[in-house]
Protein backbone atom coordinates (compact mmCIF):
# COMPACT_ATOMS: atom_id res chain seq x y z
CA MET A 1 15.17 2.42 8.42
CA THR A 2 12.24 0.09 9.07
CA TYR A 3 9.68 2.73 8.23
CA VAL A 4 11.64 3.82 5.15
CA TYR A 5 11.53 0.21 3.94
CA LEU A 6 7.81 0.11 4.67
CA LEU A 7 7.19 3.31 2.70
CA ILE A 8 9.22 1.93 -0.22
CA ALA A 9 7.16 -1.27 -0.05
CA VAL A 10 3.91 0.73 -0.08
CA ALA A 11 5.13 2.87 -2.99
CA ALA A 12 6.16 -0.21 -4.97
CA GLU A 13 2.84 -1.92 -4.27
CA THR A 14 0.99 1.21 -5.33
CA ILE A 15 2.97 1.39 -8.57
CA GLY A 16 2.37 -2.31 -9.19
CA THR A 17 -1.36 -2.05 -8.63
CA SER A 18 -1.60 1.03 -10.85
CA ALA A 19 0.34 -0.81 -13.54
CA LEU A 20 -2.00 -3.78 -13.10
CA GLN A 21 -4.90 -1.54 -14.11
CA ALA A 22 -2.88 -0.21 -17.04
CA SER A 23 -1.79 -3.71 -18.15
CA GLN A 24 -5.39 -4.51 -19.11
CA GLN A 25 -5.27 -8.04 -17.67
CA PHE A 26 -1.64 -8.57 -18.73
CA THR A 27 -2.36 -7.88 -22.40
CA ARG A 28 0.02 -4.89 -22.56
CA PHE A 29 3.72 -5.76 -22.26
CA TRP A 30 5.37 -2.85 -20.44
CA PRO A 31 2.69 -2.28 -17.82
CA SER A 32 2.80 -6.06 -17.18
CA VAL A 33 6.57 -5.89 -16.66
CA PHE A 34 6.07 -2.98 -14.24
CA VAL A 35 3.54 -5.09 -12.29
CA ILE A 36 6.01 -7.94 -11.81
CA VAL A 37 9.00 -5.74 -10.94
CA ALA A 38 7.01 -3.50 -8.61
CA TYR A 39 5.43 -6.37 -6.69
CA ALA A 40 8.82 -8.10 -6.37
CA ALA A 41 10.26 -4.91 -4.91
CA ALA A 42 7.23 -4.44 -2.66
CA PHE A 43 7.55 -7.91 -1.15
CA TYR A 44 11.32 -7.59 -0.77
CA PHE A 45 11.06 -4.31 1.15
CA LEU A 46 8.08 -5.60 3.08
CA SER A 47 10.19 -8.55 4.19
CA LEU A 48 12.89 -6.18 5.46
CA THR A 49 10.39 -4.52 7.79
CA LEU A 50 9.64 -7.89 9.36
CA ARG A 51 13.10 -7.85 10.95
CA THR A 52 11.86 -5.38 13.58
CA LEU A 53 8.06 -5.20 13.42
CA PRO A 54 5.46 -7.96 13.90
CA VAL A 55 3.85 -9.27 10.73
CA GLY A 56 0.32 -8.22 11.78
CA ILE A 57 1.37 -4.62 12.33
CA VAL A 58 3.43 -4.51 9.12
CA TYR A 59 0.57 -5.92 7.07
CA ALA A 60 -1.97 -3.55 8.63
CA LEU A 61 0.18 -0.53 7.81
CA TRP A 62 1.13 -1.79 4.34
CA SER A 63 -2.36 -2.71 3.25
CA GLY A 64 -4.03 0.32 4.86
CA LEU A 65 -1.68 2.82 3.26
CA GLY A 66 -1.87 0.94 -0.03
CA ILE A 67 -5.67 1.12 -0.02
CA ILE A 68 -5.60 4.86 0.51
CA PHE A 69 -2.93 5.57 -2.11
CA ILE A 70 -4.59 3.34 -4.71
CA ALA A 71 -7.95 5.00 -4.09
CA LEU A 72 -6.36 8.41 -4.61
CA ILE A 73 -4.56 7.27 -7.77
CA GLY A 74 -7.75 5.66 -9.03
CA PHE A 75 -9.51 8.98 -8.56
CA ALA A 76 -6.74 11.20 -9.99
CA VAL A 77 -5.46 9.00 -12.84
CA PHE A 78 -8.29 6.65 -13.79
CA GLY A 79 -11.25 8.92 -12.99
CA GLN A 80 -12.76 6.54 -10.45
CA GLU A 81 -14.98 8.49 -8.09
CA LEU A 82 -15.16 8.00 -4.34
CA ASP A 83 -18.47 8.28 -2.53
CA LEU A 84 -18.99 9.29 1.09
CA ALA A 85 -18.89 5.69 2.30
CA ALA A 86 -15.51 5.11 0.60
CA VAL A 87 -14.02 8.29 2.04
CA THR A 88 -15.41 7.46 5.49
CA GLY A 89 -13.98 3.96 5.34
CA MET A 90 -10.56 5.26 4.35
CA ALA A 91 -10.69 7.80 7.17
CA LEU A 92 -11.35 4.93 9.57
CA ILE A 93 -8.34 3.08 8.13
CA VAL A 94 -6.15 6.13 8.75
CA ALA A 95 -7.55 6.38 12.28
CA GLY A 96 -6.78 2.70 12.86
CA ILE A 97 -3.21 3.15 11.66
CA GLY A 98 -2.87 6.12 14.01
CA VAL A 99 -4.20 4.15 16.97
CA ILE A 100 -1.81 1.27 16.25
CA HIS A 101 1.17 3.54 15.81
CA LEU A 102 0.49 5.82 18.78
CA PHE A 103 -0.97 3.51 21.39
CA SER A 104 -0.06 -0.11 20.65
CA ASN A 105 2.74 -1.80 22.55
CA ALA A 106 3.22 -4.09 19.53
CA THR A 107 5.18 -1.41 17.65
CA PRO A 108 8.40 0.26 18.74
CA HIS A 109 7.95 3.95 19.57
């Protein structure tokens, strides 16, 4: 269940960050409400993962996946383009997550 909680936390953070863009600096009511609710859910589910995984590993996975998903949503929904450097950097993040998950003794396998 730990990784399910982590995925829920990432999804909630992604929704919250997307709503943050749509809230236009908290000037639009419903997107602002979504920001608050989504971030509350993200931190709650993130805290559940800390029962079994170290905080450094949890944060690396949460932030890395969040960066990738937000970049993809920014591209697909908000028309924000990604250059080669951005794509390369995100590929390195995915590689880092893979190395941590596959080879680190800090995470349960």
